[in-house]
């Protein structure tokens, strides 16, 4: 069984996940660990949530002009969220607007995973590349960043193997 969302993890770790995935119990294990979804459902609530993290950890970073859920982001292409800089000429000045878009799939996931995605995109305000400094900033804002990323990858594997969404509005 190929675990594409876990492909860059060591084989011994993949070997621990494989029996759960093959038995169709990956979703059950995740739901036990994370019993409910967050309540950051609207674009406005996501903007406020992101701004609160930004003001706590990155007060001097450039302002965000837009934060929203985006139904056009395809997780299949490995984009959980995006950070874009839109440059526009206004008179004699070049103005940059920063936007964060989070895949709509993440409207109904545990708060830990939403935080991990938002922290990741906020870190791009300071560090463009996925290098050591970038991940150091992510773990500064969310100490369990790597564990949450792994758990989210387990969920993506669950969905990829035909599993149902675990935290729907009715189930939350």
C-alpha atoms as a PDB file:
ATOM      1  CA  UNK A   1       0.000   0.000   0.000  1.00  0.00           C
ATOM      2  CA  UNK A   2       1.424   3.366  -1.078  1.00  0.00           C
ATOM      3  CA  UNK A   3       1.035   6.153   1.468  1.00  0.00           C
ATOM      4  CA  UNK A   4       1.677   9.195  -0.735  1.00  0.00           C
ATOM      5  CA  UNK A   5       1.106  11.798   1.989  1.00  0.00           C
ATOM      6  CA  UNK A   6       3.662  10.034   4.180  1.00  0.00           C
ATOM      7  CA  UNK A   7       6.179   9.238   1.433  1.00  0.00           C
ATOM      8  CA  UNK A   8       8.985  11.403   2.852  1.00  0.00           C
ATOM      9  CA  UNK A   9       8.714   9.880   6.336  1.00  0.00           C
ATOM     10  CA  UNK A  10      11.016   6.973   7.327  1.00  0.00           C
ATOM     11  CA  UNK A  11       9.841   3.482   6.379  1.00  0.00           C
ATOM     12  CA  UNK A  12       9.589   2.289  10.016  1.00  0.00           C
ATOM     13  CA  UNK A  13       7.074   5.062  10.704  1.00  0.00           C
ATOM     14  CA  UNK A  14       5.109   4.209   7.564  1.00  0.00           C
ATOM     15  CA  UNK A  15       5.131   0.573   8.676  1.00  0.00           C
ATOM     16  CA  UNK A  16       3.370   1.608  11.912  1.00  0.00           C
ATOM     17  CA  UNK A  17       0.638   3.411   9.957  1.00  0.00           C
ATOM     18  CA  UNK A  18       0.107   0.769   7.262  1.00  0.00           C
ATOM     19  CA  UNK A  19      -1.819  -1.797   9.401  1.00  0.00           C
ATOM     20  CA  UNK A  20      -4.290   0.878  10.567  1.00  0.00           C
ATOM     21  CA  UNK A  21      -4.746   2.111   7.010  1.00  0.00           C
ATOM     22  CA  UNK A  22      -5.205  -1.395   5.606  1.00  0.00           C
ATOM     23  CA  UNK A  23      -7.773  -2.219   8.293  1.00  0.00           C
ATOM     24  CA  UNK A  24      -9.650   1.018   7.558  1.00  0.00           C
ATOM     25  CA  UNK A  25      -9.142   2.218  11.136  1.00  0.00           C
ATOM     26  CA  UNK A  26      -7.047   5.323  10.509  1.00  0.00           C
ATOM     27  CA  UNK A  27     -10.048   7.649  10.717  1.00  0.00           C
ATOM     28  CA  UNK A  28     -11.226   6.007  13.931  1.00  0.00           C
ATOM     29  CA  UNK A  29      -7.806   6.519  15.539  1.00  0.00           C
ATOM     30  CA  UNK A  30      -7.720  10.173  14.483  1.00  0.00           C
ATOM     31  CA  UNK A  31     -11.208  10.834  15.760  1.00  0.00           C
ATOM     32  CA  UNK A  32     -10.272   9.390  19.148  1.00  0.00           C
ATOM     33  CA  UNK A  33      -7.302  11.779  19.360  1.00  0.00           C
ATOM     34  CA  UNK A  34      -9.225  14.774  18.024  1.00  0.00           C
ATOM     35  CA  UNK A  35     -12.891  14.422  19.004  1.00  0.00           C
ATOM     36  CA  UNK A  36     -14.175  17.680  17.538  1.00  0.00           C
ATOM     37  CA  UNK A  37     -13.635  20.270  14.847  1.00  0.00           C
ATOM     38  CA  UNK A  38     -12.837  23.935  15.391  1.00  0.00           C
ATOM     39  CA  UNK A  39     -15.488  26.620  15.108  1.00  0.00           C
ATOM     40  CA  UNK A  40     -13.578  28.978  12.784  1.00  0.00           C
ATOM     41  CA  UNK A  41     -16.046  28.461   9.926  1.00  0.00           C
ATOM     42  CA  UNK A  42     -16.352  31.796   8.109  1.00  0.00           C
ATOM     43  CA  UNK A  43     -13.793  33.853   6.217  1.00  0.00           C
ATOM     44  CA  UNK A  44     -14.228  36.641   8.782  1.00  0.00           C
ATOM     45  CA  UNK A  45     -13.565  34.271  11.675  1.00  0.00           C
ATOM     46  CA  UNK A  46     -10.501  32.891   9.850  1.00  0.00           C
ATOM     47  CA  UNK A  47      -9.203  36.421   9.295  1.00  0.00           C
ATOM     48  CA  UNK A  48      -9.663  37.246  12.998  1.00  0.00           C
ATOM     49  CA  UNK A  49      -8.017  33.971  14.060  1.00  0.00           C
ATOM     50  CA  UNK A  50      -5.045  34.580  11.754  1.00  0.00           C
ATOM     51  CA  UNK A  51      -4.694  38.200  12.895  1.00  0.00           C
ATOM     52  CA  UNK A  52      -4.657  37.108  16.551  1.00  0.00           C
ATOM     53  CA  UNK A  53      -1.782  34.687  15.862  1.00  0.00           C
ATOM     54  CA  UNK A  54       0.019  37.315  13.800  1.00  0.00           C
ATOM     55  CA  UNK A  55      -0.298  39.932  16.549  1.00  0.00           C
ATOM     56  CA  UNK A  56       0.926  37.451  19.158  1.00  0.00           C
ATOM     57  CA  UNK A  57       4.013  36.249  17.282  1.00  0.00           C
ATOM     58  CA  UNK A  58       4.693  38.569  14.349  1.00  0.00           C
ATOM     59  CA  UNK A  59       3.677  42.109  15.322  1.00  0.00           C
ATOM     60  CA  UNK A  60       6.253  43.698  13.027  1.00  0.00           C
ATOM     61  CA  UNK A  61       5.410  41.602   9.966  1.00  0.00           C
ATOM     62  CA  UNK A  62       3.724  43.201   6.997  1.00  0.00           C
ATOM     63  CA  UNK A  63      -0.062  43.492   7.269  1.00  0.00           C
ATOM     64  CA  UNK A  64      -2.438  40.968   5.741  1.00  0.00           C
ATOM     65  CA  UNK A  65      -5.046  42.310   3.373  1.00  0.00           C
ATOM     66  CA  UNK A  66      -7.042  39.118   2.983  1.00  0.00           C
ATOM     67  CA  UNK A  67      -7.442  35.739   4.703  1.00  0.00           C
ATOM     68  CA  UNK A  68     -10.066  33.314   3.471  1.00  0.00           C
ATOM     69  CA  UNK A  69     -11.100  29.752   2.780  1.00  0.00           C
ATOM     70  CA  UNK A  70     -10.620  28.886  -0.879  1.00  0.00           C
ATOM     71  CA  UNK A  71     -12.597  26.096  -2.535  1.00  0.00           C
ATOM     72  CA  UNK A  72     -10.276  26.231  -5.559  1.00  0.00           C
ATOM     73  CA  UNK A  73      -7.225  25.037  -3.631  1.00  0.00           C
ATOM     74  CA  UNK A  74      -6.743  21.379  -4.386  1.00  0.00           C
ATOM     75  CA  UNK A  75      -5.158  19.422  -1.595  1.00  0.00           C
ATOM     76  CA  UNK A  76      -4.307  16.751  -4.142  1.00  0.00           C
ATOM     77  CA  UNK A  77      -1.629  19.109  -5.455  1.00  0.00           C
ATOM     78  CA  UNK A  78      -0.222  19.341  -1.913  1.00  0.00           C
ATOM     79  CA  UNK A  79      -1.530  22.873  -1.273  1.00  0.00           C
ATOM     80  CA  UNK A  80      -3.119  23.075   2.151  1.00  0.00           C
ATOM     81  CA  UNK A  81      -2.972  26.819   2.021  1.00  0.00           C
ATOM     82  CA  UNK A  82      -1.200  29.554   0.100  1.00  0.00           C
ATOM     83  CA  UNK A  83       0.450  32.831   0.877  1.00  0.00           C
ATOM     84  CA  UNK A  84       0.591  35.261  -2.003  1.00  0.00           C
ATOM     85  CA  UNK A  85       1.950  38.726  -2.446  1.00  0.00           C
ATOM     86  CA  UNK A  86       0.076  40.861  -4.924  1.00  0.00           C
ATOM     87  CA  UNK A  87       2.065  43.876  -6.097  1.00  0.00           C
ATOM     88  CA  UNK A  88       0.312  46.885  -7.561  1.00  0.00           C
ATOM     89  CA  UNK A  89       1.554  50.252  -8.716  1.00  0.00           C
ATOM     90  CA  UNK A  90      -0.231  53.097  -6.998  1.00  0.00           C
ATOM     91  CA  UNK A  91       1.018  56.408  -8.342  1.00  0.00           C
ATOM     92  CA  UNK A  92       4.782  56.475  -7.820  1.00  0.00           C
ATOM     93  CA  UNK A  93       4.778  53.623  -5.285  1.00  0.00           C
ATOM     94  CA  UNK A  94       4.734  49.858  -5.531  1.00  0.00           C
ATOM     95  CA  UNK A  95       2.302  48.472  -2.938  1.00  0.00           C
ATOM     96  CA  UNK A  96       2.360  44.840  -1.840  1.00  0.00           C
ATOM     97  CA  UNK A  97      -0.742  43.137  -0.473  1.00  0.00           C
ATOM     98  CA  UNK A  98      -0.384  39.843   1.374  1.00  0.00           C
ATOM     99  CA  UNK A  99      -3.124  37.231   1.174  1.00  0.00           C
ATOM    100  CA  UNK A 100      -3.527  33.868   2.871  1.00  0.00           C
ATOM    101  CA  UNK A 101      -5.895  31.281   1.459  1.00  0.00           C
ATOM    102  CA  UNK A 102      -6.713  28.028   3.252  1.00  0.00           C
ATOM    103  CA  UNK A 103      -8.264  25.066   1.429  1.00  0.00           C
ATOM    104  CA  UNK A 104     -12.005  24.829   2.208  1.00  0.00           C
ATOM    105  CA  UNK A 105     -11.544  21.229   3.327  1.00  0.00           C
ATOM    106  CA  UNK A 106     -10.053  22.639   6.527  1.00  0.00           C
ATOM    107  CA  UNK A 107     -13.254  24.368   7.645  1.00  0.00           C
ATOM    108  CA  UNK A 108     -14.057  21.152   9.498  1.00  0.00           C
ATOM    109  CA  UNK A 109     -10.907  19.781  11.084  1.00  0.00           C
ATOM    110  CA  UNK A 110      -9.467  20.001  14.614  1.00  0.00           C
ATOM    111  CA  UNK A 111      -8.208  23.432  15.668  1.00  0.00           C
ATOM    112  CA  UNK A 112      -4.651  22.083  15.999  1.00  0.00           C
ATOM    113  CA  UNK A 113      -4.519  21.417  12.249  1.00  0.00           C
ATOM    114  CA  UNK A 114      -5.989  24.768  11.271  1.00  0.00           C
ATOM    115  CA  UNK A 115      -3.449  26.449  13.536  1.00  0.00           C
ATOM    116  CA  UNK A 116      -0.620  24.476  11.915  1.00  0.00           C
ATOM    117  CA  UNK A 117      -1.716  25.609   8.437  1.00  0.00           C
ATOM    118  CA  UNK A 118      -2.146  29.256   9.480  1.00  0.00           C
ATOM    119  CA  UNK A 119       1.218  29.255  11.280  1.00  0.00           C
ATOM    120  CA  UNK A 120       2.839  27.820   8.145  1.00  0.00           C
ATOM    121  CA  UNK A 121       1.389  30.541   5.927  1.00  0.00           C
ATOM    122  CA  UNK A 122       2.211  33.302   8.430  1.00  0.00           C
ATOM    123  CA  UNK A 123       5.824  32.108   8.549  1.00  0.00           C
ATOM    124  CA  UNK A 124       6.022  32.845   4.827  1.00  0.00           C
ATOM    125  CA  UNK A 125       5.628  36.552   5.662  1.00  0.00           C
ATOM    126  CA  UNK A 126       9.155  36.405   7.079  1.00  0.00           C
ATOM    127  CA  UNK A 127      10.807  33.428   5.326  1.00  0.00           C
ATOM    128  CA  UNK A 128      10.009  32.480   1.728  1.00  0.00           C
ATOM    129  CA  UNK A 129      11.738  29.098   1.477  1.00  0.00           C
ATOM    130  CA  UNK A 130      11.007  25.920   3.422  1.00  0.00           C
ATOM    131  CA  UNK A 131      14.372  25.893   5.155  1.00  0.00           C
ATOM    132  CA  UNK A 132      15.666  25.532   8.699  1.00  0.00           C
ATOM    133  CA  UNK A 133      14.803  29.145   9.612  1.00  0.00           C
ATOM    134  CA  UNK A 134      11.276  28.693   8.260  1.00  0.00           C
ATOM    135  CA  UNK A 135      10.561  25.592  10.353  1.00  0.00           C
ATOM    136  CA  UNK A 136      12.196  27.190  13.409  1.00  0.00           C
ATOM    137  CA  UNK A 137       9.701  30.053  13.088  1.00  0.00           C
ATOM    138  CA  UNK A 138       6.818  27.587  12.675  1.00  0.00           C
ATOM    139  CA  UNK A 139       7.803  25.691  15.826  1.00  0.00           C
ATOM    140  CA  UNK A 140       8.232  28.970  17.697  1.00  0.00           C
ATOM    141  CA  UNK A 141       4.599  29.832  16.942  1.00  0.00           C
ATOM    142  CA  UNK A 142       3.343  26.241  17.394  1.00  0.00           C
ATOM    143  CA  UNK A 143       5.689  23.950  19.368  1.00  0.00           C
ATOM    144  CA  UNK A 144       3.807  20.819  18.208  1.00  0.00           C
ATOM    145  CA  UNK A 145       3.946  21.959  14.555  1.00  0.00           C
ATOM    146  CA  UNK A 146       5.600  18.782  13.225  1.00  0.00           C
ATOM    147  CA  UNK A 147       3.267  16.440  15.122  1.00  0.00           C
ATOM    148  CA  UNK A 148       0.203  18.312  13.849  1.00  0.00           C
ATOM    149  CA  UNK A 149       1.562  18.190  10.315  1.00  0.00           C
ATOM    150  CA  UNK A 150       2.028  14.434  10.621  1.00  0.00           C
ATOM    151  CA  UNK A 151      -1.480  13.955  12.035  1.00  0.00           C
ATOM    152  CA  UNK A 152      -2.925  16.033   9.216  1.00  0.00           C
ATOM    153  CA  UNK A 153      -1.044  13.862   6.723  1.00  0.00           C
ATOM    154  CA  UNK A 154      -2.619  10.811   8.373  1.00  0.00           C
ATOM    155  CA  UNK A 155      -6.032  12.394   7.786  1.00  0.00           C
ATOM    156  CA  UNK A 156      -5.171  13.128   4.152  1.00  0.00           C
ATOM    157  CA  UNK A 157      -4.128   9.464   3.819  1.00  0.00           C
ATOM    158  CA  UNK A 158      -7.469   8.408   5.344  1.00  0.00           C
ATOM    159  CA  UNK A 159      -9.333  10.521   2.750  1.00  0.00           C
ATOM    160  CA  UNK A 160      -7.074   9.338  -0.070  1.00  0.00           C
ATOM    161  CA  UNK A 161      -7.912   5.719   0.776  1.00  0.00           C
ATOM    162  CA  UNK A 162     -11.621   6.455   0.403  1.00  0.00           C
ATOM    163  CA  UNK A 163     -12.419   7.365   3.987  1.00  0.00           C
ATOM    164  CA  UNK A 164     -15.199   9.797   4.819  1.00  0.00           C
ATOM    165  CA  UNK A 165     -14.685  13.285   6.250  1.00  0.00           C
ATOM    166  CA  UNK A 166     -14.622  12.852  10.022  1.00  0.00           C
ATOM    167  CA  UNK A 167     -15.736  16.238  11.283  1.00  0.00           C
ATOM    168  CA  UNK A 168     -18.790  17.346   9.353  1.00  0.00           C
ATOM    169  CA  UNK A 169     -21.127  20.033  10.718  1.00  0.00           C
ATOM    170  CA  UNK A 170     -23.597  17.306  11.769  1.00  0.00           C
ATOM    171  CA  UNK A 171     -20.877  15.299  13.557  1.00  0.00           C
ATOM    172  CA  UNK A 172     -19.237  18.291  15.271  1.00  0.00           C
END
